[in-house]
Amino acid sequence: MMARCIQLDMECAAICYAAAQLMSIGSSKAEDICRICAEICEECGNECGKHHTVHCQECAEMCHRCAEECRRMVQMAV
């Protein structure tokens, strides 16, 4: 039941780390990775939001907030 949630948590953590790393070195691909990061974080937040544990609800909130920030980064780059 939680397998998809856990998978998305791991994907979200990996893409967030990659996005932060690329932004920190001023990569020309930071905009692209932030766009993908927003998609994965949104998906993760939606999945975690289906589960009623405190951890999953907190995770859902943080993932949606991260997706919002990533979208903002992409808009700033335009």
PDB file of N, CA and C in Angstrom:
ATOM      1  N   MET A   1       0.804  -1.187   0.000  1.00  0.00           N
ATOM      2  CA  MET A   1       0.000   0.000   0.000  1.00  0.00           C
ATOM      3  C   MET A   1       0.859   1.268   0.000  1.00  0.00           C
ATOM      4  N   MET A   2       1.966   1.238   0.690  1.00  0.00           N
ATOM      5  CA  MET A   2       2.822   2.419   0.790  1.00  0.00           C
ATOM      6  C   MET A   2       3.991   2.383  -0.202  1.00  0.00           C
ATOM      7  N   ALA A   3       4.069   1.350  -1.008  1.00  0.00           N
ATOM      8  CA  ALA A   3       5.223   1.194  -1.905  1.00  0.00           C
ATOM      9  C   ALA A   3       5.374   2.386  -2.851  1.00  0.00           C
ATOM     10  N   ARG A   4       4.292   2.842  -3.454  1.00  0.00           N
ATOM     11  CA  ARG A   4       4.356   3.982  -4.383  1.00  0.00           C
ATOM     12  C   ARG A   4       4.773   5.252  -3.650  1.00  0.00           C
ATOM     13  N   CYS A   5       4.256   5.424  -2.452  1.00  0.00           N
ATOM     14  CA  CYS A   5       4.604   6.581  -1.626  1.00  0.00           C
ATOM     15  C   CYS A   5       6.104   6.597  -1.317  1.00  0.00           C
ATOM     16  N   ILE A   6       6.617   5.476  -0.915  1.00  0.00           N
ATOM     17  CA  ILE A   6       8.036   5.374  -0.567  1.00  0.00           C
ATOM     18  C   ILE A   6       8.906   5.598  -1.802  1.00  0.00           C
ATOM     19  N   GLN A   7       8.513   5.023  -2.922  1.00  0.00           N
ATOM     20  CA  GLN A   7       9.261   5.210  -4.175  1.00  0.00           C
ATOM     21  C   GLN A   7       9.318   6.694  -4.541  1.00  0.00           C
ATOM     22  N   LEU A   8       8.168   7.365  -4.481  1.00  0.00           N
ATOM     23  CA  LEU A   8       8.134   8.786  -4.818  1.00  0.00           C
ATOM     24  C   LEU A   8       8.923   9.627  -3.817  1.00  0.00           C
ATOM     25  N   ASP A   9       8.910   9.234  -2.543  1.00  0.00           N
ATOM     26  CA  ASP A   9       9.723   9.942  -1.540  1.00  0.00           C
ATOM     27  C   ASP A   9      11.199   9.897  -1.930  1.00  0.00           C
ATOM     28  N   MET A  10      11.656   8.716  -2.344  1.00  0.00           N
ATOM     29  CA  MET A  10      13.064   8.570  -2.724  1.00  0.00           C
ATOM     30  C   MET A  10      13.382   9.350  -3.994  1.00  0.00           C
ATOM     31  N   GLU A  11      12.474   9.320  -4.968  1.00  0.00           N
ATOM     32  CA  GLU A  11      12.679  10.082  -6.202  1.00  0.00           C
ATOM     33  C   GLU A  11      12.701  11.577  -5.908  1.00  0.00           C
ATOM     34  N   CYS A  12      11.802  12.009  -5.057  1.00  0.00           N
ATOM     35  CA  CYS A  12      11.707  13.423  -4.699  1.00  0.00           C
ATOM     36  C   CYS A  12      13.002  13.887  -4.022  1.00  0.00           C
ATOM     37  N   ALA A  13      13.487  13.108  -3.082  1.00  0.00           N
ATOM     38  CA  ALA A  13      14.726  13.469  -2.393  1.00  0.00           C
ATOM     39  C   ALA A  13      15.890  13.546  -3.371  1.00  0.00           C
ATOM     40  N   ALA A  14      15.969  12.595  -4.286  1.00  0.00           N
ATOM     41  CA  ALA A  14      17.071  12.571  -5.252  1.00  0.00           C
ATOM     42  C   ALA A  14      17.023  13.768  -6.194  1.00  0.00           C
ATOM     43  N   ILE A  15      15.832  14.096  -6.710  1.00  0.00           N
ATOM     44  CA  ILE A  15      15.734  15.201  -7.660  1.00  0.00           C
ATOM     45  C   ILE A  15      15.927  16.535  -6.956  1.00  0.00           C
ATOM     46  N   CYS A  16      15.462  16.659  -5.723  1.00  0.00           N
ATOM     47  CA  CYS A  16      15.682  17.903  -4.967  1.00  0.00           C
ATOM     48  C   CYS A  16      17.172  18.130  -4.730  1.00  0.00           C
ATOM     49  N   TYR A  17      17.876  17.077  -4.395  1.00  0.00           N
ATOM     50  CA  TYR A  17      19.326  17.190  -4.190  1.00  0.00           C
ATOM     51  C   TYR A  17      20.007  17.601  -5.493  1.00  0.00           C
ATOM     52  N   ALA A  18      19.633  16.960  -6.596  1.00  0.00           N
ATOM     53  CA  ALA A  18      20.234  17.278  -7.892  1.00  0.00           C
ATOM     54  C   ALA A  18      19.938  18.728  -8.280  1.00  0.00           C
ATOM     55  N   ALA A  19      18.708  19.168  -8.061  1.00  0.00           N
ATOM     56  CA  ALA A  19      18.345  20.548  -8.398  1.00  0.00           C
ATOM     57  C   ALA A  19      19.162  21.534  -7.575  1.00  0.00           C
ATOM     58  N   ALA A  20      19.285  21.280  -6.295  1.00  0.00           N
ATOM     59  CA  ALA A  20      20.062  22.172  -5.429  1.00  0.00           C
ATOM     60  C   ALA A  20      21.525  22.224  -5.870  1.00  0.00           C
ATOM     61  N   GLN A  21      22.073  21.082  -6.210  1.00  0.00           N
ATOM     62  CA  GLN A  21      23.467  21.030  -6.655  1.00  0.00           C
ATOM     63  C   GLN A  21      23.657  21.831  -7.944  1.00  0.00           C
ATOM     64  N   LEU A  22      22.789  21.630  -8.917  1.00  0.00           N
ATOM     65  CA  LEU A  22      22.929  22.337 -10.193  1.00  0.00           C
ATOM     66  C   LEU A  22      22.720  23.838 -10.028  1.00  0.00           C
ATOM     67  N   MET A  23      21.757  24.222  -9.187  1.00  0.00           N
ATOM     68  CA  MET A  23      21.556  25.653  -8.946  1.00  0.00           C
ATOM     69  C   MET A  23      22.776  26.262  -8.265  1.00  0.00           C
ATOM     70  N   SER A  24      23.380  25.520  -7.350  1.00  0.00           N
ATOM     71  CA  SER A  24      24.514  26.066  -6.594  1.00  0.00           C
ATOM     72  C   SER A  24      25.748  26.289  -7.464  1.00  0.00           C
ATOM     73  N   ILE A  25      25.838  25.581  -8.591  1.00  0.00           N
ATOM     74  CA  ILE A  25      26.991  25.789  -9.471  1.00  0.00           C
ATOM     75  C   ILE A  25      26.626  26.621 -10.694  1.00  0.00           C
ATOM     76  N   GLY A  26      25.397  27.148 -10.697  1.00  0.00           N
ATOM     77  CA  GLY A  26      24.992  28.016 -11.794  1.00  0.00           C
ATOM     78  C   GLY A  26      24.833  27.303 -13.120  1.00  0.00           C
ATOM     79  N   SER A  27      24.378  26.071 -13.071  1.00  0.00           N
ATOM     80  CA  SER A  27      24.230  25.275 -14.288  1.00  0.00           C
ATOM     81  C   SER A  27      23.197  25.867 -15.244  1.00  0.00           C
ATOM     82  N   SER A  28      23.485  25.771 -16.509  1.00  0.00           N
ATOM     83  CA  SER A  28      22.529  26.208 -17.523  1.00  0.00           C
ATOM     84  C   SER A  28      21.329  25.256 -17.594  1.00  0.00           C
ATOM     85  N   LYS A  29      21.418  24.129 -16.957  1.00  0.00           N
ATOM     86  CA  LYS A  29      20.330  23.138 -16.944  1.00  0.00           C
ATOM     87  C   LYS A  29      19.474  23.225 -15.674  1.00  0.00           C
ATOM     88  N   ALA A  30      19.753  24.187 -14.815  1.00  0.00           N
ATOM     89  CA  ALA A  30      19.010  24.312 -13.552  1.00  0.00           C
ATOM     90  C   ALA A  30      17.526  24.517 -13.801  1.00  0.00           C
ATOM     91  N   GLU A  31      17.182  25.303 -14.803  1.00  0.00           N
ATOM     92  CA  GLU A  31      15.772  25.542 -15.112  1.00  0.00           C
ATOM     93  C   GLU A  31      15.080  24.231 -15.490  1.00  0.00           C
ATOM     94  N   ASP A  32      15.728  23.431 -16.309  1.00  0.00           N
ATOM     95  CA  ASP A  32      15.153  22.149 -16.722  1.00  0.00           C
ATOM     96  C   ASP A  32      14.958  21.219 -15.526  1.00  0.00           C
ATOM     97  N   ILE A  33      15.957  21.141 -14.672  1.00  0.00           N
ATOM     98  CA  ILE A  33      15.867  20.229 -13.533  1.00  0.00           C
ATOM     99  C   ILE A  33      14.827  20.721 -12.539  1.00  0.00           C
ATOM    100  N   CYS A  34      14.671  22.031 -12.399  1.00  0.00           N
ATOM    101  CA  CYS A  34      13.641  22.570 -11.502  1.00  0.00           C
ATOM    102  C   CYS A  34      12.241  22.263 -12.021  1.00  0.00           C
ATOM    103  N   ARG A  35      12.080  22.267 -13.319  1.00  0.00           N
ATOM    104  CA  ARG A  35      10.783  21.928 -13.910  1.00  0.00           C
ATOM    105  C   ARG A  35      10.439  20.461 -13.597  1.00  0.00           C
ATOM    106  N   ILE A  36      11.398  19.591 -13.772  1.00  0.00           N
ATOM    107  CA  ILE A  36      11.192  18.167 -13.472  1.00  0.00           C
ATOM    108  C   ILE A  36      10.996  17.964 -11.972  1.00  0.00           C
ATOM    109  N   CYS A  37      11.768  18.687 -11.188  1.00  0.00           N
ATOM    110  CA  CYS A  37      11.655  18.590  -9.723  1.00  0.00           C
ATOM    111  C   CYS A  37      10.245  18.958  -9.277  1.00  0.00           C
ATOM    112  N   ALA A  38       9.694  20.019  -9.843  1.00  0.00           N
ATOM    113  CA  ALA A  38       8.333  20.437  -9.495  1.00  0.00           C
ATOM    114  C   ALA A  38       7.328  19.333  -9.804  1.00  0.00           C
ATOM    115  N   GLU A  39       7.480  18.684 -10.941  1.00  0.00           N
ATOM    116  CA  GLU A  39       6.567  17.609 -11.326  1.00  0.00           C
ATOM    117  C   GLU A  39       6.639  16.443 -10.345  1.00  0.00           C
ATOM    118  N   ILE A  40       7.859  16.046 -10.007  1.00  0.00           N
ATOM    119  CA  ILE A  40       8.030  14.906  -9.103  1.00  0.00           C
ATOM    120  C   ILE A  40       7.551  15.258  -7.701  1.00  0.00           C
ATOM    121  N   CYS A  41       7.869  16.449  -7.228  1.00  0.00           N
ATOM    122  CA  CYS A  41       7.430  16.860  -5.892  1.00  0.00           C
ATOM    123  C   CYS A  41       5.911  16.937  -5.816  1.00  0.00           C
ATOM    124  N   GLU A  42       5.274  17.443  -6.856  1.00  0.00           N
ATOM    125  CA  GLU A  42       3.809  17.518  -6.890  1.00  0.00           C
ATOM    126  C   GLU A  42       3.211  16.118  -6.830  1.00  0.00           C
ATOM    127  N   GLU A  43       3.756  15.210  -7.624  1.00  0.00           N
ATOM    128  CA  GLU A  43       3.272  13.827  -7.628  1.00  0.00           C
ATOM    129  C   GLU A  43       3.470  13.171  -6.269  1.00  0.00           C
ATOM    130  N   CYS A  44       4.621  13.412  -5.672  1.00  0.00           N
ATOM    131  CA  CYS A  44       4.920  12.853  -4.352  1.00  0.00           C
ATOM    132  C   CYS A  44       3.948  13.417  -3.308  1.00  0.00           C
ATOM    133  N   GLY A  45       3.742  14.716  -3.351  1.00  0.00           N
ATOM    134  CA  GLY A  45       2.823  15.343  -2.409  1.00  0.00           C
ATOM    135  C   GLY A  45       1.408  14.812  -2.547  1.00  0.00           C
ATOM    136  N   ASN A  46       0.970  14.615  -3.773  1.00  0.00           N
ATOM    137  CA  ASN A  46      -0.367  14.070  -4.000  1.00  0.00           C
ATOM    138  C   ASN A  46      -0.496  12.654  -3.458  1.00  0.00           C
ATOM    139  N   GLU A  47       0.534  11.845  -3.677  1.00  0.00           N
ATOM    140  CA  GLU A  47       0.507  10.465  -3.180  1.00  0.00           C
ATOM    141  C   GLU A  47       0.551  10.429  -1.661  1.00  0.00           C
ATOM    142  N   CYS A  48       1.464  11.192  -1.074  1.00  0.00           N
ATOM    143  CA  CYS A  48       1.572  11.209   0.396  1.00  0.00           C
ATOM    144  C   CYS A  48       0.287  11.733   1.034  1.00  0.00           C
ATOM    145  N   GLY A  49      -0.364  12.668   0.347  1.00  0.00           N
ATOM    146  CA  GLY A  49      -1.600  13.225   0.866  1.00  0.00           C
ATOM    147  C   GLY A  49      -2.733  12.220   0.979  1.00  0.00           C
ATOM    148  N   LYS A  50      -2.611  11.097   0.308  1.00  0.00           N
ATOM    149  CA  LYS A  50      -3.632  10.043   0.378  1.00  0.00           C
ATOM    150  C   LYS A  50      -3.570   9.264   1.685  1.00  0.00           C
ATOM    151  N   HIS A  51      -2.431   9.330   2.364  1.00  0.00           N
ATOM    152  CA  HIS A  51      -2.225   8.555   3.586  1.00  0.00           C
ATOM    153  C   HIS A  51      -2.421   9.459   4.796  1.00  0.00           C
ATOM    154  N   HIS A  52      -2.995   8.932   5.834  1.00  0.00           N
ATOM    155  CA  HIS A  52      -3.408   9.765   6.956  1.00  0.00           C
ATOM    156  C   HIS A  52      -2.462   9.719   8.151  1.00  0.00           C
ATOM    157  N   THR A  53      -1.230   9.322   7.918  1.00  0.00           N
ATOM    158  CA  THR A  53      -0.262   9.374   9.008  1.00  0.00           C
ATOM    159  C   THR A  53       0.283  10.795   9.103  1.00  0.00           C
ATOM    160  N   VAL A  54       0.745  11.171  10.272  1.00  0.00           N
ATOM    161  CA  VAL A  54       1.312  12.506  10.469  1.00  0.00           C
ATOM    162  C   VAL A  54       2.497  12.704   9.530  1.00  0.00           C
ATOM    163  N   HIS A  55       3.352  11.697   9.438  1.00  0.00           N
ATOM    164  CA  HIS A  55       4.529  11.800   8.570  1.00  0.00           C
ATOM    165  C   HIS A  55       4.122  12.076   7.124  1.00  0.00           C
ATOM    166  N   CYS A  56       3.157  11.334   6.613  1.00  0.00           N
ATOM    167  CA  CYS A  56       2.744  11.500   5.215  1.00  0.00           C
ATOM    168  C   CYS A  56       2.099  12.858   4.983  1.00  0.00           C
ATOM    169  N   GLN A  57       1.326  13.331   5.926  1.00  0.00           N
ATOM    170  CA  GLN A  57       0.696  14.638   5.772  1.00  0.00           C
ATOM    171  C   GLN A  57       1.745  15.753   5.771  1.00  0.00           C
ATOM    172  N   GLU A  58       2.754  15.636   6.650  1.00  0.00           N
ATOM    173  CA  GLU A  58       3.842  16.615   6.664  1.00  0.00           C
ATOM    174  C   GLU A  58       4.643  16.544   5.366  1.00  0.00           C
ATOM    175  N   CYS A  59       4.889  15.338   4.897  1.00  0.00           N
ATOM    176  CA  CYS A  59       5.625  15.139   3.649  1.00  0.00           C
ATOM    177  C   CYS A  59       4.852  15.765   2.491  1.00  0.00           C
ATOM    178  N   ALA A  60       3.553  15.540   2.441  1.00  0.00           N
ATOM    179  CA  ALA A  60       2.724  16.097   1.371  1.00  0.00           C
ATOM    180  C   ALA A  60       2.818  17.620   1.360  1.00  0.00           C
ATOM    181  N   GLU A  61       2.740  18.222   2.527  1.00  0.00           N
ATOM    182  CA  GLU A  61       2.823  19.681   2.624  1.00  0.00           C
ATOM    183  C   GLU A  61       4.170  20.195   2.122  1.00  0.00           C
ATOM    184  N   MET A  62       5.246  19.547   2.545  1.00  0.00           N
ATOM    185  CA  MET A  62       6.584  19.975   2.134  1.00  0.00           C
ATOM    186  C   MET A  62       6.808  19.757   0.637  1.00  0.00           C
ATOM    187  N   CYS A  63       6.314  18.658   0.112  1.00  0.00           N
ATOM    188  CA  CYS A  63       6.468  18.389  -1.323  1.00  0.00           C
ATOM    189  C   CYS A  63       5.727  19.425  -2.154  1.00  0.00           C
ATOM    190  N   HIS A  64       4.520  19.783  -1.737  1.00  0.00           N
ATOM    191  CA  HIS A  64       3.773  20.806  -2.476  1.00  0.00           C
ATOM    192  C   HIS A  64       4.465  22.164  -2.378  1.00  0.00           C
ATOM    193  N   ARG A  65       5.027  22.450  -1.225  1.00  0.00           N
ATOM    194  CA  ARG A  65       5.754  23.709  -1.071  1.00  0.00           C
ATOM    195  C   ARG A  65       7.004  23.730  -1.948  1.00  0.00           C
ATOM    196  N   CYS A  66       7.702  22.615  -2.009  1.00  0.00           N
ATOM    197  CA  CYS A  66       8.895  22.509  -2.853  1.00  0.00           C
ATOM    198  C   CYS A  66       8.525  22.663  -4.324  1.00  0.00           C
ATOM    199  N   ALA A  67       7.438  22.022  -4.744  1.00  0.00           N
ATOM    200  CA  ALA A  67       6.993  22.133  -6.132  1.00  0.00           C
ATOM    201  C   ALA A  67       6.703  23.590  -6.476  1.00  0.00           C
ATOM    202  N   GLU A  68       6.082  24.295  -5.552  1.00  0.00           N
ATOM    203  CA  GLU A  68       5.771  25.709  -5.742  1.00  0.00           C
ATOM    204  C   GLU A  68       7.054  26.534  -5.922  1.00  0.00           C
ATOM    205  N   GLU A  69       8.032  26.276  -5.079  1.00  0.00           N
ATOM    206  CA  GLU A  69       9.312  27.009  -5.160  1.00  0.00           C
ATOM    207  C   GLU A  69      10.044  26.691  -6.457  1.00  0.00           C
ATOM    208  N   CYS A  70      10.010  25.440  -6.868  1.00  0.00           N
ATOM    209  CA  CYS A  70      10.666  25.073  -8.130  1.00  0.00           C
ATOM    210  C   CYS A  70      10.006  25.779  -9.307  1.00  0.00           C
ATOM    211  N   ARG A  71       8.686  25.845  -9.289  1.00  0.00           N
ATOM    212  CA  ARG A  71       7.996  26.558 -10.356  1.00  0.00           C
ATOM    213  C   ARG A  71       8.367  28.036 -10.352  1.00  0.00           C
ATOM    214  N   ARG A  72       8.502  28.590  -9.183  1.00  0.00           N
ATOM    215  CA  ARG A  72       8.907  29.988  -9.047  1.00  0.00           C
ATOM    216  C   ARG A  72      10.305  30.210  -9.617  1.00  0.00           C
ATOM    217  N   MET A  73      11.205  29.268  -9.381  1.00  0.00           N
ATOM    218  CA  MET A  73      12.568  29.366  -9.923  1.00  0.00           C
ATOM    219  C   MET A  73      12.535  29.365 -11.449  1.00  0.00           C
ATOM    220  N   VAL A  74      11.698  28.509 -12.018  1.00  0.00           N
ATOM    221  CA  VAL A  74      11.585  28.429 -13.483  1.00  0.00           C
ATOM    222  C   VAL A  74      11.040  29.749 -14.016  1.00  0.00           C
ATOM    223  N   GLN A  75      10.046  30.316 -13.365  1.00  0.00           N
ATOM    224  CA  GLN A  75       9.468  31.584 -13.812  1.00  0.00           C
ATOM    225  C   GLN A  75      10.490  32.720 -13.728  1.00  0.00           C
ATOM    226  N   MET A  76      11.317  32.686 -12.695  1.00  0.00           N
ATOM    227  CA  MET A  76      12.339  33.733 -12.521  1.00  0.00           C
ATOM    228  C   MET A  76      13.395  33.643 -13.620  1.00  0.00           C
ATOM    229  N   ALA A  77      13.632  32.442 -14.117  1.00  0.00           N
ATOM    230  CA  ALA A  77      14.664  32.239 -15.120  1.00  0.00           C
ATOM    231  C   ALA A  77      14.203  32.704 -16.505  1.00  0.00           C
ATOM    232  N   VAL A  78      12.905  32.817 -16.686  1.00  0.00           N
ATOM    233  CA  VAL A  78      12.372  33.184 -18.000  1.00  0.00           C
ATOM    234  C   VAL A  78      12.582  34.654 -18.283  1.00  0.00           C
TER     235      VAL A  78
END
